[in-house]
C-alpha atoms as a PDB file:
ATOM      1  CA  MET A   1     -15.346 -11.247  12.598  1.00  0.00           C
ATOM      2  CA  GLU A   2     -18.180  -9.150  11.192  1.00  0.00           C
ATOM      3  CA  SER A   3     -21.833 -10.121  11.161  1.00  0.00           C
ATOM      4  CA  SER A   4     -23.771 -10.925   7.970  1.00  0.00           C
ATOM      5  CA  LYS A   5     -25.393  -7.453   7.899  1.00  0.00           C
ATOM      6  CA  LYS A   6     -25.290  -5.897   4.431  1.00  0.00           C
ATOM      7  CA  THR A   7     -22.649  -3.242   3.883  1.00  0.00           C
ATOM      8  CA  THR A   8     -22.753  -0.764   1.025  1.00  0.00           C
ATOM      9  CA  LEU A   9     -19.471   0.595  -0.283  1.00  0.00           C
ATOM     10  CA  TYR A  10     -19.816   4.064  -1.786  1.00  0.00           C
ATOM     11  CA  PHE A  11     -17.014   5.094  -4.134  1.00  0.00           C
ATOM     12  CA  TYR A  12     -16.875   8.862  -4.511  1.00  0.00           C
ATOM     13  CA  VAL A  13     -15.523   9.357  -8.033  1.00  0.00           C
ATOM     14  CA  THR A  14     -13.585  12.591  -8.419  1.00  0.00           C
ATOM     15  CA  ASP A  15     -12.734  14.465 -11.590  1.00  0.00           C
ATOM     16  CA  GLN A  16      -9.486  13.056 -13.088  1.00  0.00           C
ATOM     17  CA  VAL A  17      -9.813   9.938 -10.912  1.00  0.00           C
ATOM     18  CA  HIS A  18      -7.006   7.370 -11.153  1.00  0.00           C
ATOM     19  CA  LEU A  19      -8.610   4.185 -12.445  1.00  0.00           C
ATOM     20  CA  LEU A  20      -6.262   1.875 -10.521  1.00  0.00           C
ATOM     21  CA  ASP A  21      -6.991   3.683  -7.253  1.00  0.00           C
ATOM     22  CA  LEU A  22     -10.660   3.022  -7.928  1.00  0.00           C
ATOM     23  CA  GLY A  23     -10.386  -0.437  -9.473  1.00  0.00           C
ATOM     24  CA  GLY A  24      -7.977  -2.006  -6.982  1.00  0.00           C
ATOM     25  CA  VAL A  25     -10.192  -1.585  -3.925  1.00  0.00           C
ATOM     26  CA  LEU A  26     -13.293  -2.232  -5.987  1.00  0.00           C
ATOM     27  CA  HIS A  27     -12.049  -5.601  -7.217  1.00  0.00           C
ATOM     28  CA  VAL A  28     -11.114  -6.831  -3.739  1.00  0.00           C
ATOM     29  CA  PHE A  29     -14.686  -6.323  -2.574  1.00  0.00           C
ATOM     30  CA  GLN A  30     -16.094  -7.711  -5.828  1.00  0.00           C
ATOM     31  CA  GLU A  31     -14.227 -10.930  -5.023  1.00  0.00           C
ATOM     32  CA  ALA A  32     -15.766 -10.847  -1.530  1.00  0.00           C
ATOM     33  CA  ILE A  33     -19.213 -10.523  -3.124  1.00  0.00           C
ATOM     34  CA  ASP A  34     -18.457 -13.504  -5.369  1.00  0.00           C
ATOM     35  CA  LEU A  35     -17.601 -15.483  -2.215  1.00  0.00           C
ATOM     36  CA  GLY A  36     -21.048 -14.707  -0.857  1.00  0.00           C
ATOM     37  CA  PHE A  37     -20.341 -11.829   1.512  1.00  0.00           C
ATOM     38  CA  PRO A  38     -23.094  -9.192   1.764  1.00  0.00           C
ATOM     39  CA  TYR A  39     -21.520  -6.185   0.082  1.00  0.00           C
ATOM     40  CA  GLN A  40     -23.120  -3.799  -2.368  1.00  0.00           C
ATOM     41  CA  LEU A  41     -21.169  -1.394  -4.581  1.00  0.00           C
ATOM     42  CA  GLU A  42     -22.370   2.123  -5.400  1.00  0.00           C
ATOM     43  CA  PHE A  43     -20.670   4.932  -7.325  1.00  0.00           C
ATOM     44  CA  ILE A  44     -21.347   8.529  -6.341  1.00  0.00           C
ATOM     45  CA  SER A  45     -19.978  11.931  -7.266  1.00  0.00           C
ATOM     46  CA  SER A  46     -20.799  15.613  -7.523  1.00  0.00           C
ATOM     47  CA  SER A  47     -21.519  15.066 -11.216  1.00  0.00           C
ATOM     48  CA  GLN A  48     -23.162  12.232 -13.134  1.00  0.00           C
ATOM     49  CA  LYS A  49     -20.363  12.200 -15.719  1.00  0.00           C
ATOM     50  CA  ILE A  50     -16.632  12.155 -14.842  1.00  0.00           C
ATOM     51  CA  LYS A  51     -13.472  12.091 -16.955  1.00  0.00           C
ATOM     52  CA  SER A  52     -10.703   9.878 -15.538  1.00  0.00           C
ATOM     53  CA  SER A  53      -7.013  10.798 -15.556  1.00  0.00           C
ATOM     54  CA  ALA A  54      -6.557   8.309 -18.422  1.00  0.00           C
ATOM     55  CA  GLY A  55      -9.183  10.070 -20.528  1.00  0.00           C
ATOM     56  CA  LEU A  56     -11.900   7.424 -20.060  1.00  0.00           C
ATOM     57  CA  TRP A  57     -15.320   8.960 -19.377  1.00  0.00           C
ATOM     58  CA  LEU A  58     -17.479   7.453 -16.640  1.00  0.00           C
ATOM     59  CA  SER A  59     -21.206   8.146 -16.680  1.00  0.00           C
ATOM     60  CA  GLY A  60     -24.427   7.136 -14.965  1.00  0.00           C
ATOM     61  CA  ILE A  61     -22.962   8.002 -11.554  1.00  0.00           C
ATOM     62  CA  LYS A  62     -25.354   8.833  -8.721  1.00  0.00           C
ATOM     63  CA  LEU A  63     -25.158  12.237  -7.079  1.00  0.00           C
ATOM     64  CA  PHE A  64     -23.926  11.990  -3.482  1.00  0.00           C
ATOM     65  CA  THR A  65     -26.988  13.927  -2.332  1.00  0.00           C
ATOM     66  CA  GLU A  66     -29.294  11.195  -3.632  1.00  0.00           C
ATOM     67  CA  VAL A  67     -28.037   8.250  -1.547  1.00  0.00           C
ATOM     68  CA  SER A  68     -28.961   7.191   1.952  1.00  0.00           C
ATOM     69  CA  LEU A  69     -26.253   5.610   4.118  1.00  0.00           C
ATOM     70  CA  THR A  70     -26.274   3.586   7.333  1.00  0.00           C
ATOM     71  CA  GLN A  71     -23.625   3.343  10.047  1.00  0.00           C
ATOM     72  CA  ASN A  72     -22.500   0.011   8.580  1.00  0.00           C
ATOM     73  CA  ASP A  73     -21.460   1.569   5.255  1.00  0.00           C
ATOM     74  CA  PHE A  74     -18.101   2.692   3.860  1.00  0.00           C
ATOM     75  CA  ILE A  75     -17.142   5.716   1.765  1.00  0.00           C
ATOM     76  CA  PHE A  76     -14.043   5.333  -0.413  1.00  0.00           C
ATOM     77  CA  ILE A  77     -12.372   8.333  -2.044  1.00  0.00           C
ATOM     78  CA  PRO A  78      -9.901   7.213  -4.745  1.00  0.00           C
ATOM     79  CA  GLY A  79      -6.985   9.385  -5.783  1.00  0.00           C
ATOM     80  CA  PHE A  80      -6.980  11.807  -8.684  1.00  0.00           C
ATOM     81  CA  SER A  81      -4.356  13.333 -10.951  1.00  0.00           C
ATOM     82  CA  SER A  82      -1.963  15.441  -8.885  1.00  0.00           C
ATOM     83  CA  HIS A  83      -0.108  17.109 -11.759  1.00  0.00           C
ATOM     84  CA  ASP A  84      -2.073  20.349 -11.478  1.00  0.00           C
ATOM     85  CA  THR A  85      -0.602  22.968  -9.147  1.00  0.00           C
ATOM     86  CA  GLU A  86      -4.042  23.726  -7.738  1.00  0.00           C
ATOM     87  CA  PHE A  87      -6.302  20.842  -6.767  1.00  0.00           C
ATOM     88  CA  SER A  88     -10.011  21.050  -7.535  1.00  0.00           C
ATOM     89  CA  PHE A  89     -12.013  20.113  -4.433  1.00  0.00           C
ATOM     90  CA  PRO A  90     -15.676  19.227  -3.935  1.00  0.00           C
ATOM     91  CA  THR A  91     -18.055  21.864  -2.627  1.00  0.00           C
ATOM     92  CA  THR A  92     -18.703  22.796   0.986  1.00  0.00           C
ATOM     93  CA  ALA A  93     -21.956  20.840   0.664  1.00  0.00           C
ATOM     94  CA  PHE A  94     -19.940  17.662   0.066  1.00  0.00           C
ATOM     95  CA  ASN A  95     -17.655  18.405   3.017  1.00  0.00           C
ATOM     96  CA  ASP A  96     -20.682  18.823   5.284  1.00  0.00           C
ATOM     97  CA  TRP A  97     -22.181  15.615   3.880  1.00  0.00           C
ATOM     98  CA  LEU A  98     -18.965  13.662   4.464  1.00  0.00           C
ATOM     99  CA  ILE A  99     -18.632  14.839   8.072  1.00  0.00           C
ATOM    100  CA  ALA A 100     -22.305  14.079   8.719  1.00  0.00           C
ATOM    101  CA  LYS A 101     -21.943  10.527   7.390  1.00  0.00           C
ATOM    102  CA  HIS A 102     -18.872   9.948   9.544  1.00  0.00           C
ATOM    103  CA  ASN A 103     -20.774  11.219  12.575  1.00  0.00           C
ATOM    104  CA  LEU A 104     -23.531   8.765  11.618  1.00  0.00           C
ATOM    105  CA  GLY A 105     -21.012   5.940  12.019  1.00  0.00           C
ATOM    106  CA  CYS A 106     -19.777   5.354   8.463  1.00  0.00           C
ATOM    107  CA  THR A 107     -16.155   4.429   7.830  1.00  0.00           C
ATOM    108  CA  ILE A 108     -14.179   6.735   5.521  1.00  0.00           C
ATOM    109  CA  CYS A 109     -11.244   5.548   3.390  1.00  0.00           C
ATOM    110  CA  SER A 110      -9.006   7.539   1.043  1.00  0.00           C
ATOM    111  CA  ILE A 111      -6.620   6.249  -1.591  1.00  0.00           C
ATOM    112  CA  CYS A 112      -3.521   8.237  -2.610  1.00  0.00           C
ATOM    113  CA  SER A 113      -4.328  11.916  -3.248  1.00  0.00           C
ATOM    114  CA  GLY A 114      -7.864  11.306  -1.983  1.00  0.00           C
ATOM    115  CA  ALA A 115      -6.404  12.225   1.417  1.00  0.00           C
ATOM    116  CA  PHE A 116      -6.399  15.862   0.253  1.00  0.00           C
ATOM    117  CA  ILE A 117     -10.184  15.752  -0.131  1.00  0.00           C
ATOM    118  CA  LEU A 118     -10.480  14.475   3.437  1.00  0.00           C
ATOM    119  CA  ALA A 119      -8.029  17.118   4.650  1.00  0.00           C
ATOM    120  CA  ASN A 120      -9.899  19.879   2.831  1.00  0.00           C
ATOM    121  CA  SER A 121     -13.140  18.835   4.520  1.00  0.00           C
ATOM    122  CA  GLY A 122     -11.574  19.171   7.976  1.00  0.00           C
ATOM    123  CA  ILE A 123     -12.384  15.585   8.903  1.00  0.00           C
ATOM    124  CA  LEU A 124      -8.671  14.728   9.262  1.00  0.00           C
ATOM    125  CA  ASN A 125      -7.805  17.537  11.665  1.00  0.00           C
ATOM    126  CA  HIS A 126      -5.453  16.300  14.418  1.00  0.00           C
ATOM    127  CA  LEU A 127      -5.614  12.722  13.098  1.00  0.00           C
ATOM    128  CA  GLN A 128      -2.832  10.546  11.686  1.00  0.00           C
ATOM    129  CA  CYS A 129      -2.911  10.042   7.937  1.00  0.00           C
ATOM    130  CA  THR A 130      -0.761   9.383   4.891  1.00  0.00           C
ATOM    131  CA  THR A 131      -0.743   9.759   1.119  1.00  0.00           C
ATOM    132  CA  HIS A 132       1.524   8.967  -1.822  1.00  0.00           C
ATOM    133  CA  TRP A 133       5.197   9.549  -0.953  1.00  0.00           C
ATOM    134  CA  SER A 134       5.514  12.299  -3.578  1.00  0.00           C
ATOM    135  CA  LEU A 135       2.691  14.288  -1.915  1.00  0.00           C
ATOM    136  CA  ILE A 136       3.691  13.881   1.747  1.00  0.00           C
ATOM    137  CA  ASP A 137       5.475  17.236   2.057  1.00  0.00           C
ATOM    138  CA  ARG A 138       2.656  19.071   0.308  1.00  0.00           C
ATOM    139  CA  LEU A 139       0.044  17.530   2.619  1.00  0.00           C
ATOM    140  CA  LYS A 140       2.097  18.529   5.665  1.00  0.00           C
ATOM    141  CA  LYS A 141       2.577  22.092   4.432  1.00  0.00           C
ATOM    142  CA  GLU A 142      -0.995  22.763   3.350  1.00  0.00           C
ATOM    143  CA  TYR A 143      -2.642  21.098   6.366  1.00  0.00           C
ATOM    144  CA  PRO A 144      -0.343  21.604   9.388  1.00  0.00           C
ATOM    145  CA  THR A 145      -2.932  20.296  11.895  1.00  0.00           C
ATOM    146  CA  LEU A 146      -2.685  16.802  10.402  1.00  0.00           C
ATOM    147  CA  HIS A 147      -0.371  14.133  11.839  1.00  0.00           C
ATOM    148  CA  VAL A 148       1.058  13.017   8.495  1.00  0.00           C
ATOM    149  CA  LYS A 149       2.888   9.684   8.586  1.00  0.00           C
ATOM    150  CA  LYS A 150       5.782   9.259   6.178  1.00  0.00           C
ATOM    151  CA  ASP A 151       6.636   5.956   4.497  1.00  0.00           C
ATOM    152  CA  VAL A 152       3.706   3.825   5.669  1.00  0.00           C
ATOM    153  CA  LEU A 153       1.180   2.024   3.467  1.00  0.00           C
ATOM    154  CA  PHE A 154      -1.955   3.075   5.309  1.00  0.00           C
ATOM    155  CA  THR A 155      -3.169   4.562   8.577  1.00  0.00           C
ATOM    156  CA  GLU A 156      -6.203   3.963  10.760  1.00  0.00           C
ATOM    157  CA  GLU A 157      -7.757   6.278  13.347  1.00  0.00           C
ATOM    158  CA  ASN A 158     -11.311   7.084  14.405  1.00  0.00           C
ATOM    159  CA  ARG A 159     -12.903   5.042  11.575  1.00  0.00           C
ATOM    160  CA  ILE A 160     -10.863   6.949   9.010  1.00  0.00           C
ATOM    161  CA  TYR A 161      -8.312   5.147   6.849  1.00  0.00           C
ATOM    162  CA  THR A 162      -5.823   6.795   4.496  1.00  0.00           C
ATOM    163  CA  SER A 163      -3.513   4.926   2.136  1.00  0.00           C
ATOM    164  CA  ALA A 164      -0.486   5.698   0.001  1.00  0.00           C
ATOM    165  CA  GLY A 165      -2.305   4.879  -3.211  1.00  0.00           C
ATOM    166  CA  ILE A 166      -2.194   2.633  -6.278  1.00  0.00           C
ATOM    167  CA  VAL A 167      -1.628  -0.955  -5.068  1.00  0.00           C
ATOM    168  CA  THR A 168      -1.660   0.078  -1.402  1.00  0.00           C
ATOM    169  CA  GLY A 169      -5.402   0.520  -1.884  1.00  0.00           C
ATOM    170  CA  ILE A 170      -5.485  -3.246  -2.403  1.00  0.00           C
ATOM    171  CA  ASP A 171      -3.439  -3.726   0.781  1.00  0.00           C
ATOM    172  CA  LEU A 172      -5.943  -1.594   2.688  1.00  0.00           C
ATOM    173  CA  ALA A 173      -8.937  -3.430   1.217  1.00  0.00           C
ATOM    174  CA  LEU A 174      -7.448  -6.826   2.125  1.00  0.00           C
ATOM    175  CA  TYR A 175      -6.765  -5.543   5.650  1.00  0.00           C
ATOM    176  CA  LEU A 176     -10.409  -4.496   5.967  1.00  0.00           C
ATOM    177  CA  ILE A 177     -11.540  -7.896   4.686  1.00  0.00           C
ATOM    178  CA  GLU A 178      -9.303  -9.683   7.210  1.00  0.00           C
ATOM    179  CA  LYS A 179     -10.530  -7.450  10.025  1.00  0.00           C
ATOM    180  CA  ARG A 180     -14.175  -8.134   9.169  1.00  0.00           C
ATOM    181  CA  HIS A 181     -14.091 -11.742   8.001  1.00  0.00           C
ATOM    182  CA  GLY A 182     -10.831 -13.322   9.138  1.00  0.00           C
ATOM    183  CA  LYS A 183      -7.416 -14.143   7.757  1.00  0.00           C
ATOM    184  CA  GLU A 184      -8.467 -17.134   5.639  1.00  0.00           C
ATOM    185  CA  VAL A 185     -10.917 -15.067   3.607  1.00  0.00           C
ATOM    186  CA  ALA A 186      -8.299 -12.363   2.998  1.00  0.00           C
ATOM    187  CA  ILE A 187      -5.770 -14.995   1.885  1.00  0.00           C
ATOM    188  CA  LYS A 188      -8.300 -16.556  -0.474  1.00  0.00           C
ATOM    189  CA  ILE A 189      -9.063 -13.203  -2.105  1.00  0.00           C
ATOM    190  CA  ALA A 190      -5.362 -12.310  -2.318  1.00  0.00           C
ATOM    191  CA  LYS A 191      -4.677 -15.595  -4.125  1.00  0.00           C
ATOM    192  CA  GLU A 192      -7.547 -14.951  -6.523  1.00  0.00           C
ATOM    193  CA  LEU A 193      -6.038 -11.535  -7.318  1.00  0.00           C
ATOM    194  CA  VAL A 194      -2.565 -13.114  -7.646  1.00  0.00           C
ATOM    195  CA  VAL A 195      -1.294 -10.748  -4.960  1.00  0.00           C
ATOM    196  CA  TYR A 196       2.132 -11.927  -3.819  1.00  0.00           C
ATOM    197  CA  LYS A 197       1.551 -11.019  -0.186  1.00  0.00           C
ATOM    198  CA  ARG A 198      -0.681  -8.913   2.013  1.00  0.00           C
ATOM    199  CA  ARG A 199       1.321  -6.042   3.450  1.00  0.00           C
ATOM    200  CA  LYS A 200       0.792  -4.403   6.807  1.00  0.00           C
ATOM    201  CA  GLY A 201       0.027  -0.708   7.014  1.00  0.00           C
ATOM    202  CA  THR A 202       3.312   0.053   8.748  1.00  0.00           C
ATOM    203  CA  GLU A 203       5.454  -1.338   5.926  1.00  0.00           C
ATOM    204  CA  SER A 204       7.536   1.020   3.806  1.00  0.00           C
ATOM    205  CA  GLN A 205       6.000   2.509   0.662  1.00  0.00           C
ATOM    206  CA  GLU A 206       9.184   1.614  -1.211  1.00  0.00           C
ATOM    207  CA  SER A 207       9.816  -2.112  -1.646  1.00  0.00           C
ATOM    208  CA  VAL A 208      13.118  -3.281  -0.192  1.00  0.00           C
ATOM    209  CA  TYR A 209      13.760  -4.931  -3.556  1.00  0.00           C
ATOM    210  CA  LEU A 210      13.736  -1.512  -5.239  1.00  0.00           C
ATOM    211  CA  GLN A 211      15.885   0.246  -2.671  1.00  0.00           C
ATOM    212  CA  HIS A 212      19.534   1.021  -3.501  1.00  0.00           C
ATOM    213  CA  ARG A 213      18.817   0.603  -7.228  1.00  0.00           C
ATOM    214  CA  ASN A 214      18.674   4.206  -8.328  1.00  0.00           C
ATOM    215  CA  HIS A 215      21.698   3.812 -10.576  1.00  0.00           C
ATOM    216  CA  ILE A 216      22.451   2.637 -14.128  1.00  0.00           C
ATOM    217  CA  ASP A 217      25.445   0.356 -13.512  1.00  0.00           C
ATOM    218  CA  GLU A 218      24.433  -2.865 -15.264  1.00  0.00           C
ATOM    219  CA  LYS A 219      27.029  -4.992 -13.482  1.00  0.00           C
ATOM    220  CA  ILE A 220      25.897  -3.863 -10.041  1.00  0.00           C
ATOM    221  CA  HIS A 221      22.285  -4.563 -11.047  1.00  0.00           C
ATOM    222  CA  MET A 222      23.390  -8.080 -12.032  1.00  0.00           C
ATOM    223  CA  VAL A 223      24.996  -8.604  -8.628  1.00  0.00           C
ATOM    224  CA  GLN A 224      21.871  -7.316  -6.860  1.00  0.00           C
ATOM    225  CA  ASP A 225      19.632  -9.590  -8.938  1.00  0.00           C
ATOM    226  CA  TRP A 226      21.830 -12.590  -8.194  1.00  0.00           C
ATOM    227  CA  ILE A 227      21.706 -11.892  -4.454  1.00  0.00           C
ATOM    228  CA  ILE A 228      17.910 -11.543  -4.490  1.00  0.00           C
ATOM    229  CA  HIS A 229      17.384 -14.850  -6.311  1.00  0.00           C
ATOM    230  CA  ASN A 230      20.091 -16.861  -4.517  1.00  0.00           C
ATOM    231  CA  LEU A 231      19.771 -15.950  -0.844  1.00  0.00           C
ATOM    232  CA  GLU A 232      20.143 -19.564   0.232  1.00  0.00           C
ATOM    233  CA  LYS A 233      23.541 -19.835  -1.442  1.00  0.00           C
ATOM    234  CA  THR A 234      26.851 -18.907   0.129  1.00  0.00           C
ATOM    235  CA  ALA A 235      28.756 -16.537  -2.128  1.00  0.00           C
ATOM    236  CA  THR A 236      31.943 -14.663  -1.308  1.00  0.00           C
ATOM    237  CA  ILE A 237      32.970 -11.303  -2.716  1.00  0.00           C
ATOM    238  CA  ASN A 238      35.272 -13.255  -5.039  1.00  0.00           C
ATOM    239  CA  ASP A 239      32.306 -15.290  -6.346  1.00  0.00           C
ATOM    240  CA  LEU A 240      30.226 -12.179  -6.999  1.00  0.00           C
ATOM    241  CA  ALA A 241      33.147 -10.404  -8.643  1.00  0.00           C
ATOM    242  CA  ALA A 242      33.707 -13.360 -10.962  1.00  0.00           C
ATOM    243  CA  LEU A 243      30.006 -13.180 -11.915  1.00  0.00           C
ATOM    244  CA  VAL A 244      30.525  -9.747 -13.496  1.00  0.00           C
ATOM    245  CA  ASN A 245      34.179 -10.085 -14.457  1.00  0.00           C
ATOM    246  CA  ILE A 246      35.686  -7.416 -12.243  1.00  0.00           C
ATOM    247  CA  SER A 247      38.081  -7.608  -9.315  1.00  0.00           C
ATOM    248  CA  PRO A 248      36.717  -8.102  -5.774  1.00  0.00           C
ATOM    249  CA  ARG A 249      38.236  -4.802  -4.696  1.00  0.00           C
ATOM    250  CA  ASN A 250      36.598  -2.903  -7.558  1.00  0.00           C
ATOM    251  CA  LEU A 251      33.246  -4.609  -6.944  1.00  0.00           C
ATOM    252  CA  THR A 252      33.310  -3.580  -3.290  1.00  0.00           C
ATOM    253  CA  ARG A 253      34.158   0.007  -4.185  1.00  0.00           C
ATOM    254  CA  ILE A 254      31.690   0.363  -7.073  1.00  0.00           C
ATOM    255  CA  PHE A 255      28.830  -1.341  -5.212  1.00  0.00           C
ATOM    256  CA  LYS A 256      29.140   1.089  -2.296  1.00  0.00           C
ATOM    257  CA  LYS A 257      29.427   4.072  -4.633  1.00  0.00           C
ATOM    258  CA  GLN A 258      26.370   3.157  -6.719  1.00  0.00           C
ATOM    259  CA  THR A 259      24.042   1.868  -3.982  1.00  0.00           C
ATOM    260  CA  GLY A 260      25.154   3.768  -0.891  1.00  0.00           C
ATOM    261  CA  THR A 261      25.536   0.558   1.092  1.00  0.00           C
ATOM    262  CA  THR A 262      27.858  -2.451   1.334  1.00  0.00           C
ATOM    263  CA  ILE A 263      27.239  -5.829  -0.258  1.00  0.00           C
ATOM    264  CA  ALA A 264      26.970  -7.465   3.168  1.00  0.00           C
ATOM    265  CA  ALA A 265      24.453  -4.905   4.436  1.00  0.00           C
ATOM    266  CA  TYR A 266      22.404  -5.174   1.238  1.00  0.00           C
ATOM    267  CA  ARG A 267      22.293  -8.966   1.383  1.00  0.00           C
ATOM    268  CA  THR A 268      21.249  -8.886   5.048  1.00  0.00           C
ATOM    269  CA  LYS A 269      18.467  -6.426   4.265  1.00  0.00           C
ATOM    270  CA  ILE A 270      17.089  -8.670   1.518  1.00  0.00           C
ATOM    271  CA  ARG A 271      17.365 -11.754   3.736  1.00  0.00           C
ATOM    272  CA  VAL A 272      15.487 -10.039   6.556  1.00  0.00           C
ATOM    273  CA  GLU A 273      12.700  -9.001   4.183  1.00  0.00           C
ATOM    274  CA  LYS A 274      12.306 -12.528   2.807  1.00  0.00           C
ATOM    275  CA  ALA A 275      12.415 -14.081   6.284  1.00  0.00           C
ATOM    276  CA  LYS A 276       9.808 -11.630   7.550  1.00  0.00           C
ATOM    277  CA  SER A 277       7.530 -12.403   4.600  1.00  0.00           C
ATOM    278  CA  LEU A 278       7.868 -16.175   5.035  1.00  0.00           C
ATOM    279  CA  LEU A 279       7.221 -15.959   8.771  1.00  0.00           C
ATOM    280  CA  ILE A 280       3.990 -14.048   8.161  1.00  0.00           C
ATOM    281  CA  HIS A 281       2.697 -15.681   4.991  1.00  0.00           C
ATOM    282  CA  SER A 282       3.869 -19.320   5.113  1.00  0.00           C
ATOM    283  CA  ASP A 283       3.580 -22.321   7.397  1.00  0.00           C
ATOM    284  CA  HIS A 284       7.292 -23.176   7.179  1.00  0.00           C
ATOM    285  CA  LYS A 285       9.201 -23.966  10.352  1.00  0.00           C
ATOM    286  CA  ILE A 286      11.638 -21.271  11.408  1.00  0.00           C
ATOM    287  CA  ALA A 287      14.610 -23.584  10.849  1.00  0.00           C
ATOM    288  CA  TYR A 288      13.572 -24.092   7.212  1.00  0.00           C
ATOM    289  CA  ILE A 289      13.025 -20.357   6.744  1.00  0.00           C
ATOM    290  CA  ALA A 290      16.529 -19.727   8.087  1.00  0.00           C
ATOM    291  CA  THR A 291      17.917 -22.126   5.471  1.00  0.00           C
ATOM    292  CA  LEU A 292      15.917 -20.557   2.621  1.00  0.00           C
ATOM    293  CA  CYS A 293      17.226 -17.123   3.558  1.00  0.00           C
ATOM    294  CA  GLY A 294      20.862 -18.174   3.841  1.00  0.00           C
ATOM    295  CA  PHE A 295      21.249 -18.084   7.618  1.00  0.00           C
ATOM    296  CA  LYS A 296      23.450 -20.753   9.171  1.00  0.00           C
ATOM    297  CA  THR A 297      21.268 -21.356  12.215  1.00  0.00           C
ATOM    298  CA  THR A 298      17.833 -20.483  13.592  1.00  0.00           C
ATOM    299  CA  LYS A 299      19.568 -18.561  16.370  1.00  0.00           C
ATOM    300  CA  GLN A 300      21.364 -16.374  13.817  1.00  0.00           C
ATOM    301  CA  LEU A 301      18.062 -15.573  12.089  1.00  0.00           C
ATOM    302  CA  GLN A 302      16.366 -14.703  15.384  1.00  0.00           C
ATOM    303  CA  HIS A 303      19.262 -12.463  16.408  1.00  0.00           C
ATOM    304  CA  ILE A 304      19.273 -10.573  13.096  1.00  0.00           C
ATOM    305  CA  LEU A 305      15.484 -10.164  13.083  1.00  0.00           C
ATOM    306  CA  LYS A 306      15.654  -8.772  16.628  1.00  0.00           C
ATOM    307  CA  ASN A 307      18.235  -6.201  15.558  1.00  0.00           C
ATOM    308  CA  HIS A 308      16.437  -5.152  12.364  1.00  0.00           C
ATOM    309  CA  LEU A 309      12.775  -5.131  13.391  1.00  0.00           C
END
């Protein structure tokens, strides 16, 4: 748990910044401030006026050359619009400044495409990192010395954090809060933000509840929705087929064709995800969790978790 020493969080605002990348992390620490923790928020850039990717202009921003940091401070670099073929990067002066502040002892965090700014500065060389799933291959190709991690929410190495972006910035911020102030504080802030759960950095960027749904078959979507919301219930293939008025044989065939997996495998995957979440984020006994997830016994749940995790 961190001491009460004041920490300043510097948000480097890039041209075409994504507002959610900026606002998600920002709001987590604003809640920490409201709880009495000694944080201070500062906004810096290479220009005093910036246009966001949504068209909203931000002004009155301090120049990065005008601020003085301590080893207890953080620098956050939110993501920016990645639609342009060529990214616009800060100057060499900023790169030198960023490296100098890291050498001073500051912690550096990027959100989404902000990882490209870190990579361009050279500060990520030979370190593990990540970015938004749609930019992973580009980051690997353009910066081959990086150890780019695919399908994780965020990475941590040598006081440098990189995250996949958008809401994963909130996951990263809550992780930092828990690391500095304990689990109870992180839970309290998550509840205030109405965040369903705090995810670990190693979790997949794609929610299990969205997997196997890249199709337009309404009946199969209905079956998937029913499974998700009724895990504790025992339902045979006949029951599910009756739900959408098709034969069990056709349901089995169509489900596999549209989702790429079987009904049994899909249901197990959803059950494992719910069980994992309840084990981490609730105080329920394991026997009760097994019941909620549709497992017959605690032993069955333990066996399936062992095989899947």
